[in-house]
Amino acid sequence: MVQRKGFGPLIPGVYHAHFPDTYRRPESISANDFGVQSARFIEEELFRTIVPAEEVAAIVVEPIQGEGGYLVPPRNFLEELRRLSYRHGILLIFDEVQCGMGRTGKMWAAEHFGVAPDIFTTAKGIASGLPLSAMVARAEIMDWPPGAHASTFGGNPVAVAAALATIELLENELIANAARIGSHILDRIGHWPKRFRHVGDVRGLGLMIGFELVRDQRTKERAPELRDRIQELAFERGLLVLGAGRNAIRLCPPLVITRDQADFAVDTLEECLKLLG
């Protein structure tokens, strides 16, 4: 991971770069060009001024950013990261802990972008809430000798059984359900910025959907207090939603959600948004 210029690493040897927030890109640049520029910042600025490329082991990125606000990048952002990593002999690692396991309407979020990483990680949804995680990599990378890695709590048979059952359910019906219900939700809320003056942006894939609260749609000033108010109003009406980033709300229901349940959620949120004025 790389850190934008002017900011120190969170831990030694770790740096961060901007993830492309296309909603807040300059008006003079297209979403695709913004994606390319965001990736090239690593090579043109960070590698040149902060850390040499030959000292970088890996680039770690979420194909769709979760805690940062449920941001869906332009396709060519990940494509450019892949080219950059090949060019410098750097591993590309996708963090699919939040966006993987059918959440986006495909087994892995990376499938939407046609980019294959060298390594990816998954957890949470892999065993439907039981404690399990996995790292998956190309065979030539997984050359650790016996004893090189161990885990105190690894290999739990109950969690593994849950994961096998989860994968079967995903492949048989739930990935398709995530794609179908997610599309229905996005069809219903995609016009919210035109209906509600405090909704700045709606984005997402499958059942990984976010919408952003702003004070003014023209200036796009973030409104975290309005986001928190929506959460409270929804809770009072029997709907649990969770924030993401500084001012967005994430919609990430269980993949077993029905159309009626999705409509209840959307109807409830629309009622709450009307109360904001």
C-alpha atoms as a PDB file:
ATOM      1  CA  MET A   1       0.000   0.000   0.000  1.00  0.00           C
ATOM      2  CA  VAL A   2       1.172   3.527  -0.666  1.00  0.00           C
ATOM      3  CA  GLN A   3       0.459   6.837   1.037  1.00  0.00           C
ATOM      4  CA  ARG A   4      -0.188  10.127  -0.705  1.00  0.00           C
ATOM      5  CA  LYS A   5       2.657  12.613  -0.774  1.00  0.00           C
ATOM      6  CA  GLY A   6       3.077  14.623   2.392  1.00  0.00           C
ATOM      7  CA  PHE A   7       1.685  12.003   4.741  1.00  0.00           C
ATOM      8  CA  GLY A   8       3.822   9.635   6.779  1.00  0.00           C
ATOM      9  CA  PRO A   9       3.200   5.899   6.791  1.00  0.00           C
ATOM     10  CA  LEU A  10       0.752   4.468   9.286  1.00  0.00           C
ATOM     11  CA  ILE A  11       3.308   1.777  10.075  1.00  0.00           C
ATOM     12  CA  PRO A  12       6.911   1.574   8.874  1.00  0.00           C
ATOM     13  CA  GLY A  13       7.141   0.611   5.234  1.00  0.00           C
ATOM     14  CA  VAL A  14       3.439   1.161   4.448  1.00  0.00           C
ATOM     15  CA  TYR A  15       2.244   4.094   2.336  1.00  0.00           C
ATOM     16  CA  HIS A  16      -1.135   5.117   0.964  1.00  0.00           C
ATOM     17  CA  ALA A  17      -2.282   6.610  -2.334  1.00  0.00           C
ATOM     18  CA  HIS A  18      -5.620   8.077  -3.361  1.00  0.00           C
ATOM     19  CA  PHE A  19      -8.410   5.697  -4.314  1.00  0.00           C
ATOM     20  CA  PRO A  20     -10.318   7.285  -7.219  1.00  0.00           C
ATOM     21  CA  ASP A  21     -13.525   8.901  -5.976  1.00  0.00           C
ATOM     22  CA  THR A  22     -15.117   9.676  -9.328  1.00  0.00           C
ATOM     23  CA  TYR A  23     -17.914  11.690  -7.712  1.00  0.00           C
ATOM     24  CA  ARG A  24     -15.311  14.190  -6.548  1.00  0.00           C
ATOM     25  CA  ARG A  25     -13.073  14.197  -9.596  1.00  0.00           C
ATOM     26  CA  PRO A  26     -12.314  17.522 -11.317  1.00  0.00           C
ATOM     27  CA  GLU A  27     -15.043  18.436 -13.809  1.00  0.00           C
ATOM     28  CA  SER A  28     -12.464  18.802 -16.551  1.00  0.00           C
ATOM     29  CA  ILE A  29     -11.464  15.130 -16.498  1.00  0.00           C
ATOM     30  CA  SER A  30     -13.404  11.993 -17.429  1.00  0.00           C
ATOM     31  CA  ALA A  31     -13.906   9.140 -14.977  1.00  0.00           C
ATOM     32  CA  ASN A  32     -11.624   6.889 -17.033  1.00  0.00           C
ATOM     33  CA  ASP A  33      -8.830   9.430 -17.184  1.00  0.00           C
ATOM     34  CA  PHE A  34      -9.220  10.042 -13.462  1.00  0.00           C
ATOM     35  CA  GLY A  35      -8.802   6.333 -12.807  1.00  0.00           C
ATOM     36  CA  VAL A  36      -5.598   6.217 -14.827  1.00  0.00           C
ATOM     37  CA  GLN A  37      -4.216   9.339 -13.147  1.00  0.00           C
ATOM     38  CA  SER A  38      -4.948   7.908  -9.687  1.00  0.00           C
ATOM     39  CA  ALA A  39      -2.961   4.774 -10.483  1.00  0.00           C
ATOM     40  CA  ARG A  40      -0.114   6.611 -12.184  1.00  0.00           C
ATOM     41  CA  PHE A  41       0.327   8.853  -9.146  1.00  0.00           C
ATOM     42  CA  ILE A  42       2.031   5.882  -7.504  1.00  0.00           C
ATOM     43  CA  GLU A  43       4.635   5.635 -10.231  1.00  0.00           C
ATOM     44  CA  GLU A  44       5.028   9.284 -11.153  1.00  0.00           C
ATOM     45  CA  GLU A  45       5.060  10.766  -7.660  1.00  0.00           C
ATOM     46  CA  LEU A  46       5.480   8.202  -4.913  1.00  0.00           C
ATOM     47  CA  PHE A  47       8.102   6.014  -6.598  1.00  0.00           C
ATOM     48  CA  ARG A  48       9.968   9.110  -7.716  1.00  0.00           C
ATOM     49  CA  THR A  49       9.957  11.064  -4.447  1.00  0.00           C
ATOM     50  CA  ILE A  50       9.218   8.775  -1.481  1.00  0.00           C
ATOM     51  CA  VAL A  51       9.977   5.086  -2.019  1.00  0.00           C
ATOM     52  CA  PRO A  52      11.837   3.498  -4.971  1.00  0.00           C
ATOM     53  CA  ALA A  53       9.810   0.937  -6.917  1.00  0.00           C
ATOM     54  CA  GLU A  54      12.478  -1.718  -6.306  1.00  0.00           C
ATOM     55  CA  GLU A  55      11.807  -1.459  -2.557  1.00  0.00           C
ATOM     56  CA  VAL A  56       8.060  -2.059  -2.916  1.00  0.00           C
ATOM     57  CA  ALA A  57       6.939  -5.647  -2.349  1.00  0.00           C
ATOM     58  CA  ALA A  58       3.247  -5.292  -3.130  1.00  0.00           C
ATOM     59  CA  ILE A  59       0.355  -2.989  -3.890  1.00  0.00           C
ATOM     60  CA  VAL A  60      -2.707  -3.794  -1.778  1.00  0.00           C
ATOM     61  CA  VAL A  61      -6.111  -2.507  -2.882  1.00  0.00           C
ATOM     62  CA  GLU A  62      -9.799  -3.244  -2.473  1.00  0.00           C
ATOM     63  CA  PRO A  63     -11.398  -3.667  -5.923  1.00  0.00           C
ATOM     64  CA  ILE A  64     -14.334  -1.755  -4.436  1.00  0.00           C
ATOM     65  CA  GLN A  65     -13.449   0.362  -1.425  1.00  0.00           C
ATOM     66  CA  GLY A  66     -15.466  -0.518   1.643  1.00  0.00           C
ATOM     67  CA  GLU A  67     -14.755   1.540   4.755  1.00  0.00           C
ATOM     68  CA  GLY A  68     -13.710   4.497   2.619  1.00  0.00           C
ATOM     69  CA  GLY A  69     -17.263   5.023   1.381  1.00  0.00           C
ATOM     70  CA  TYR A  70     -18.278   2.142  -0.911  1.00  0.00           C
ATOM     71  CA  LEU A  71     -16.400   3.612  -3.860  1.00  0.00           C
ATOM     72  CA  VAL A  72     -16.522   1.833  -7.216  1.00  0.00           C
ATOM     73  CA  PRO A  73     -13.429   2.768  -9.243  1.00  0.00           C
ATOM     74  CA  PRO A  74     -13.269   3.139 -13.004  1.00  0.00           C
ATOM     75  CA  ARG A  75     -12.329  -0.164 -14.639  1.00  0.00           C
ATOM     76  CA  ASN A  76      -9.060   1.193 -15.933  1.00  0.00           C
ATOM     77  CA  PHE A  77      -7.850   2.093 -12.432  1.00  0.00           C
ATOM     78  CA  LEU A  78      -7.295  -1.574 -11.615  1.00  0.00           C
ATOM     79  CA  GLU A  79      -6.060  -2.253 -15.146  1.00  0.00           C
ATOM     80  CA  GLU A  80      -3.419   0.437 -14.734  1.00  0.00           C
ATOM     81  CA  LEU A  81      -2.393  -0.945 -11.331  1.00  0.00           C
ATOM     82  CA  ARG A  82      -1.944  -4.331 -12.981  1.00  0.00           C
ATOM     83  CA  ARG A  83       0.245  -2.865 -15.725  1.00  0.00           C
ATOM     84  CA  LEU A  84       2.242  -0.885 -13.168  1.00  0.00           C
ATOM     85  CA  SER A  85       2.853  -3.966 -11.028  1.00  0.00           C
ATOM     86  CA  TYR A  86       4.016  -5.998 -14.017  1.00  0.00           C
ATOM     87  CA  ARG A  87       6.299  -3.180 -15.128  1.00  0.00           C
ATOM     88  CA  HIS A  88       8.105  -3.026 -11.789  1.00  0.00           C
ATOM     89  CA  GLY A  89       7.892  -6.649 -10.673  1.00  0.00           C
ATOM     90  CA  ILE A  90       5.557  -5.806  -7.780  1.00  0.00           C
ATOM     91  CA  LEU A  91       2.862  -8.145  -6.478  1.00  0.00           C
ATOM     92  CA  LEU A  92      -0.739  -6.971  -6.832  1.00  0.00           C
ATOM     93  CA  ILE A  93      -2.934  -7.973  -3.876  1.00  0.00           C
ATOM     94  CA  PHE A  94      -6.711  -7.566  -3.812  1.00  0.00           C
ATOM     95  CA  ASP A  95      -8.453  -7.290  -0.453  1.00  0.00           C
ATOM     96  CA  GLU A  96     -11.817  -8.991  -1.056  1.00  0.00           C
ATOM     97  CA  VAL A  97     -12.729  -9.375   2.606  1.00  0.00           C
ATOM     98  CA  GLN A  98     -15.703  -7.033   2.285  1.00  0.00           C
ATOM     99  CA  CYS A  99     -16.449  -7.098  -1.438  1.00  0.00           C
ATOM    100  CA  GLY A 100     -15.898 -10.792  -2.164  1.00  0.00           C
ATOM    101  CA  MET A 101     -17.942 -13.974  -1.681  1.00  0.00           C
ATOM    102  CA  GLY A 102     -20.822 -12.979  -3.956  1.00  0.00           C
ATOM    103  CA  ARG A 103     -21.450  -9.574  -2.397  1.00  0.00           C
ATOM    104  CA  THR A 104     -21.280  -7.690  -5.725  1.00  0.00           C
ATOM    105  CA  GLY A 105     -23.243 -10.163  -7.814  1.00  0.00           C
ATOM    106  CA  LYS A 106     -20.132 -12.106  -8.805  1.00  0.00           C
ATOM    107  CA  MET A 107     -18.080 -14.416  -6.632  1.00  0.00           C
ATOM    108  CA  TRP A 108     -15.221 -11.883  -6.617  1.00  0.00           C
ATOM    109  CA  ALA A 109     -15.485  -8.143  -7.185  1.00  0.00           C
ATOM    110  CA  ALA A 110     -12.382  -8.299  -9.395  1.00  0.00           C
ATOM    111  CA  GLU A 111     -14.450 -10.177 -11.984  1.00  0.00           C
ATOM    112  CA  HIS A 112     -16.335  -6.968 -12.766  1.00  0.00           C
ATOM    113  CA  PHE A 113     -13.069  -5.368 -13.872  1.00  0.00           C
ATOM    114  CA  GLY A 114     -11.403  -8.259 -15.690  1.00  0.00           C
ATOM    115  CA  VAL A 115      -8.215  -7.924 -13.645  1.00  0.00           C
ATOM    116  CA  ALA A 116      -6.579 -10.899 -11.916  1.00  0.00           C
ATOM    117  CA  PRO A 117      -4.326 -10.177  -8.914  1.00  0.00           C
ATOM    118  CA  ASP A 118      -1.327 -12.208  -7.814  1.00  0.00           C
ATOM    119  CA  ILE A 119      -2.851 -12.685  -4.357  1.00  0.00           C
ATOM    120  CA  PHE A 120      -6.251 -12.022  -2.864  1.00  0.00           C
ATOM    121  CA  THR A 121      -7.644 -12.275   0.630  1.00  0.00           C
ATOM    122  CA  THR A 122     -11.143 -13.164   1.795  1.00  0.00           C
ATOM    123  CA  ALA A 123     -12.932 -13.532   5.122  1.00  0.00           C
ATOM    124  CA  LYS A 124     -16.222 -12.620   6.821  1.00  0.00           C
ATOM    125  CA  GLY A 125     -18.693 -13.859   4.199  1.00  0.00           C
ATOM    126  CA  ILE A 126     -16.640 -16.946   3.417  1.00  0.00           C
ATOM    127  CA  ALA A 127     -18.172 -18.818   6.374  1.00  0.00           C
ATOM    128  CA  SER A 128     -21.350 -16.783   6.912  1.00  0.00           C
ATOM    129  CA  GLY A 129     -20.017 -15.136  10.056  1.00  0.00           C
ATOM    130  CA  LEU A 130     -18.025 -17.958  11.575  1.00  0.00           C
ATOM    131  CA  PRO A 131     -14.335 -17.100  12.110  1.00  0.00           C
ATOM    132  CA  LEU A 132     -12.508 -18.008   8.910  1.00  0.00           C
ATOM    133  CA  SER A 133     -10.255 -16.238   6.446  1.00  0.00           C
ATOM    134  CA  ALA A 134      -8.181 -17.277   3.467  1.00  0.00           C
ATOM    135  CA  MET A 135      -5.344 -16.061   1.295  1.00  0.00           C
ATOM    136  CA  VAL A 136      -5.341 -17.297  -2.295  1.00  0.00           C
ATOM    137  CA  ALA A 137      -2.355 -16.894  -4.601  1.00  0.00           C
ATOM    138  CA  ARG A 138      -0.715 -18.158  -7.762  1.00  0.00           C
ATOM    139  CA  ALA A 139       0.997 -21.528  -7.278  1.00  0.00           C
ATOM    140  CA  GLU A 140       4.476 -20.154  -7.886  1.00  0.00           C
ATOM    141  CA  ILE A 141       4.012 -17.699  -5.013  1.00  0.00           C
ATOM    142  CA  MET A 142       2.820 -20.332  -2.544  1.00  0.00           C
ATOM    143  CA  ASP A 143       6.212 -21.983  -2.171  1.00  0.00           C
ATOM    144  CA  TRP A 144       6.561 -21.752   1.617  1.00  0.00           C
ATOM    145  CA  PRO A 145       8.310 -24.738   3.174  1.00  0.00           C
ATOM    146  CA  PRO A 146       6.569 -26.704   5.957  1.00  0.00           C
ATOM    147  CA  GLY A 147       6.616 -24.757   9.210  1.00  0.00           C
ATOM    148  CA  ALA A 148       7.002 -21.342   7.554  1.00  0.00           C
ATOM    149  CA  HIS A 149       3.504 -20.340   8.631  1.00  0.00           C
ATOM    150  CA  ALA A 150       1.238 -21.499  11.449  1.00  0.00           C
ATOM    151  CA  SER A 151      -2.019 -20.462  13.088  1.00  0.00           C
ATOM    152  CA  THR A 152      -3.248 -21.018  16.608  1.00  0.00           C
ATOM    153  CA  PHE A 153      -6.891 -21.071  15.552  1.00  0.00           C
ATOM    154  CA  GLY A 154      -6.523 -22.311  11.972  1.00  0.00           C
ATOM    155  CA  GLY A 155      -8.296 -25.314  10.554  1.00  0.00           C
ATOM    156  CA  ASN A 156     -11.440 -25.073  12.686  1.00  0.00           C
ATOM    157  CA  PRO A 157     -13.639 -27.893  11.272  1.00  0.00           C
ATOM    158  CA  VAL A 158     -16.911 -26.146  12.124  1.00  0.00           C
ATOM    159  CA  ALA A 159     -15.882 -22.952  10.329  1.00  0.00           C
ATOM    160  CA  VAL A 160     -14.627 -24.943   7.340  1.00  0.00           C
ATOM    161  CA  ALA A 161     -17.935 -26.843   7.147  1.00  0.00           C
ATOM    162  CA  ALA A 162     -19.788 -23.525   7.241  1.00  0.00           C
ATOM    163  CA  ALA A 163     -17.604 -22.211   4.414  1.00  0.00           C
ATOM    164  CA  LEU A 164     -18.300 -25.255   2.230  1.00  0.00           C
ATOM    165  CA  ALA A 165     -22.040 -24.857   2.803  1.00  0.00           C
ATOM    166  CA  THR A 166     -21.790 -21.119   2.107  1.00  0.00           C
ATOM    167  CA  ILE A 167     -19.945 -21.637  -1.176  1.00  0.00           C
ATOM    168  CA  GLU A 168     -22.566 -24.156  -2.319  1.00  0.00           C
ATOM    169  CA  LEU A 169     -25.390 -21.724  -1.533  1.00  0.00           C
ATOM    170  CA  LEU A 170     -23.570 -18.891  -3.287  1.00  0.00           C
ATOM    171  CA  GLU A 171     -22.947 -20.860  -6.445  1.00  0.00           C
ATOM    172  CA  ASN A 172     -26.453 -22.321  -6.578  1.00  0.00           C
ATOM    173  CA  GLU A 173     -28.541 -19.232  -5.910  1.00  0.00           C
ATOM    174  CA  LEU A 174     -27.217 -16.420  -3.732  1.00  0.00           C
ATOM    175  CA  ILE A 175     -24.762 -14.779  -6.147  1.00  0.00           C
ATOM    176  CA  ALA A 176     -27.578 -14.526  -8.668  1.00  0.00           C
ATOM    177  CA  ASN A 177     -29.872 -13.160  -5.958  1.00  0.00           C
ATOM    178  CA  ALA A 178     -27.296 -10.514  -5.026  1.00  0.00           C
ATOM    179  CA  ALA A 179     -27.076  -9.405  -8.650  1.00  0.00           C
ATOM    180  CA  ARG A 180     -30.860  -9.406  -9.133  1.00  0.00           C
ATOM    181  CA  ILE A 181     -31.886  -7.661  -5.890  1.00  0.00           C
ATOM    182  CA  GLY A 182     -28.925  -5.297  -6.070  1.00  0.00           C
ATOM    183  CA  SER A 183     -29.997  -4.199  -9.546  1.00  0.00           C
ATOM    184  CA  HIS A 184     -33.538  -3.668  -8.270  1.00  0.00           C
ATOM    185  CA  ILE A 185     -32.315  -1.502  -5.384  1.00  0.00           C
ATOM    186  CA  LEU A 186     -30.070   0.571  -7.634  1.00  0.00           C
ATOM    187  CA  ASP A 187     -32.943   1.067 -10.093  1.00  0.00           C
ATOM    188  CA  ARG A 188     -35.049   2.426  -7.247  1.00  0.00           C
ATOM    189  CA  ILE A 189     -32.468   4.700  -5.629  1.00  0.00           C
ATOM    190  CA  GLY A 190     -30.408   5.783  -8.639  1.00  0.00           C
ATOM    191  CA  HIS A 191     -32.568   8.894  -9.078  1.00  0.00           C
ATOM    192  CA  TRP A 192     -32.298   9.963  -5.440  1.00  0.00           C
ATOM    193  CA  PRO A 193     -29.919  12.866  -6.196  1.00  0.00           C
ATOM    194  CA  LYS A 194     -32.697  14.360  -8.354  1.00  0.00           C
ATOM    195  CA  ARG A 195     -35.382  13.773  -5.704  1.00  0.00           C
ATOM    196  CA  PHE A 196     -33.511  14.561  -2.487  1.00  0.00           C
ATOM    197  CA  ARG A 197     -31.274  17.601  -2.271  1.00  0.00           C
ATOM    198  CA  HIS A 198     -29.019  16.078   0.366  1.00  0.00           C
ATOM    199  CA  VAL A 199     -28.144  12.949  -1.639  1.00  0.00           C
ATOM    200  CA  GLY A 200     -25.044  13.664  -3.672  1.00  0.00           C
ATOM    201  CA  ASP A 201     -24.188  10.307  -5.193  1.00  0.00           C
ATOM    202  CA  VAL A 202     -25.457   6.728  -5.460  1.00  0.00           C
ATOM    203  CA  ARG A 203     -23.071   3.922  -6.432  1.00  0.00           C
ATOM    204  CA  GLY A 204     -22.498   0.223  -6.074  1.00  0.00           C
ATOM    205  CA  LEU A 205     -22.514  -3.251  -7.561  1.00  0.00           C
ATOM    206  CA  GLY A 206     -24.765  -6.102  -6.494  1.00  0.00           C
ATOM    207  CA  LEU A 207     -25.574  -5.801  -2.809  1.00  0.00           C
ATOM    208  CA  MET A 208     -22.640  -3.508  -2.097  1.00  0.00           C
ATOM    209  CA  ILE A 209     -24.364  -0.147  -2.466  1.00  0.00           C
ATOM    210  CA  GLY A 210     -23.613   3.263  -1.007  1.00  0.00           C
ATOM    211  CA  PHE A 211     -25.151   6.714  -1.125  1.00  0.00           C
ATOM    212  CA  GLU A 212     -23.552   9.937  -0.016  1.00  0.00           C
ATOM    213  CA  LEU A 213     -25.060  12.743   2.069  1.00  0.00           C
ATOM    214  CA  VAL A 214     -24.032  16.314   1.240  1.00  0.00           C
ATOM    215  CA  ARG A 215     -25.014  19.760   2.449  1.00  0.00           C
ATOM    216  CA  ASP A 216     -25.115  21.126  -1.069  1.00  0.00           C
ATOM    217  CA  GLN A 217     -25.139  19.150  -4.321  1.00  0.00           C
ATOM    218  CA  ARG A 218     -23.297  21.895  -6.155  1.00  0.00           C
ATOM    219  CA  THR A 219     -20.369  22.151  -3.748  1.00  0.00           C
ATOM    220  CA  LYS A 220     -20.539  18.472  -2.696  1.00  0.00           C
ATOM    221  CA  GLU A 221     -19.734  19.482   0.865  1.00  0.00           C
ATOM    222  CA  ARG A 222     -19.833  16.375   3.039  1.00  0.00           C
ATOM    223  CA  ALA A 223     -22.625  16.132   5.603  1.00  0.00           C
ATOM    224  CA  PRO A 224     -21.661  13.554   8.227  1.00  0.00           C
ATOM    225  CA  GLU A 225     -24.268  14.906  10.650  1.00  0.00           C
ATOM    226  CA  LEU A 226     -27.026  14.233   8.097  1.00  0.00           C
ATOM    227  CA  ARG A 227     -25.680  10.730   7.521  1.00  0.00           C
ATOM    228  CA  ASP A 228     -25.841  10.084  11.264  1.00  0.00           C
ATOM    229  CA  ARG A 229     -29.377  11.478  11.393  1.00  0.00           C
ATOM    230  CA  ILE A 230     -30.514   9.119   8.633  1.00  0.00           C
ATOM    231  CA  GLN A 231     -29.077   6.193  10.575  1.00  0.00           C
ATOM    232  CA  GLU A 232     -31.039   7.236  13.683  1.00  0.00           C
ATOM    233  CA  LEU A 233     -34.283   7.780  11.796  1.00  0.00           C
ATOM    234  CA  ALA A 234     -33.962   4.435  10.026  1.00  0.00           C
ATOM    235  CA  PHE A 235     -33.269   2.661  13.313  1.00  0.00           C
ATOM    236  CA  GLU A 236     -36.399   4.158  14.830  1.00  0.00           C
ATOM    237  CA  ARG A 237     -38.362   2.657  11.928  1.00  0.00           C
ATOM    238  CA  GLY A 238     -36.881  -0.819  12.230  1.00  0.00           C
ATOM    239  CA  LEU A 239     -34.093  -0.582   9.656  1.00  0.00           C
ATOM    240  CA  LEU A 240     -30.416  -0.963  10.521  1.00  0.00           C
ATOM    241  CA  VAL A 241     -27.957   0.795   8.221  1.00  0.00           C
ATOM    242  CA  LEU A 242     -24.284   1.528   8.711  1.00  0.00           C
ATOM    243  CA  GLY A 243     -22.080   4.418   7.728  1.00  0.00           C
ATOM    244  CA  ALA A 244     -19.100   4.150   5.408  1.00  0.00           C
ATOM    245  CA  GLY A 245     -16.435   6.781   4.981  1.00  0.00           C
ATOM    246  CA  ARG A 246     -17.075  10.258   6.304  1.00  0.00           C
ATOM    247  CA  ASN A 247     -20.598  10.827   5.002  1.00  0.00           C
ATOM    248  CA  ALA A 248     -21.918   7.795   3.131  1.00  0.00           C
ATOM    249  CA  ILE A 249     -24.367   5.082   4.122  1.00  0.00           C
ATOM    250  CA  ARG A 250     -23.744   1.520   3.017  1.00  0.00           C
ATOM    251  CA  LEU A 251     -26.461  -0.918   2.035  1.00  0.00           C
ATOM    252  CA  CYS A 252     -24.999  -4.392   2.450  1.00  0.00           C
ATOM    253  CA  PRO A 253     -27.842  -6.731   3.417  1.00  0.00           C
ATOM    254  CA  PRO A 254     -27.519 -10.515   3.707  1.00  0.00           C
ATOM    255  CA  LEU A 255     -27.418 -12.165   0.301  1.00  0.00           C
ATOM    256  CA  VAL A 256     -30.642 -14.017   1.151  1.00  0.00           C
ATOM    257  CA  ILE A 257     -32.601 -10.738   1.067  1.00  0.00           C
ATOM    258  CA  THR A 258     -35.922 -10.820  -0.763  1.00  0.00           C
ATOM    259  CA  ARG A 259     -37.406  -8.194  -3.066  1.00  0.00           C
ATOM    260  CA  ASP A 260     -40.046  -7.325  -0.450  1.00  0.00           C
ATOM    261  CA  GLN A 261     -37.352  -6.778   2.185  1.00  0.00           C
ATOM    262  CA  ALA A 262     -35.376  -4.610  -0.227  1.00  0.00           C
ATOM    263  CA  ASP A 263     -38.458  -2.520  -0.954  1.00  0.00           C
ATOM    264  CA  PHE A 264     -39.090  -2.055   2.766  1.00  0.00           C
ATOM    265  CA  ALA A 265     -35.542  -0.772   3.180  1.00  0.00           C
ATOM    266  CA  VAL A 266     -35.807   1.633   0.253  1.00  0.00           C
ATOM    267  CA  ASP A 267     -39.261   2.877   1.319  1.00  0.00           C
ATOM    268  CA  THR A 268     -37.983   3.456   4.859  1.00  0.00           C
ATOM    269  CA  LEU A 269     -34.919   5.363   3.681  1.00  0.00           C
ATOM    270  CA  GLU A 270     -37.019   7.522   1.380  1.00  0.00           C
ATOM    271  CA  GLU A 271     -39.242   8.392   4.333  1.00  0.00           C
ATOM    272  CA  CYS A 272     -36.155   9.353   6.329  1.00  0.00           C
ATOM    273  CA  LEU A 273     -34.699  11.452   3.523  1.00  0.00           C
ATOM    274  CA  LYS A 274     -37.957  13.398   3.222  1.00  0.00           C
ATOM    275  CA  LEU A 275     -37.645  14.359   6.874  1.00  0.00           C
ATOM    276  CA  LEU A 276     -34.308  16.054   6.162  1.00  0.00           C
ATOM    277  CA  GLY A 277     -36.145  18.602   4.031  1.00  0.00           C
END
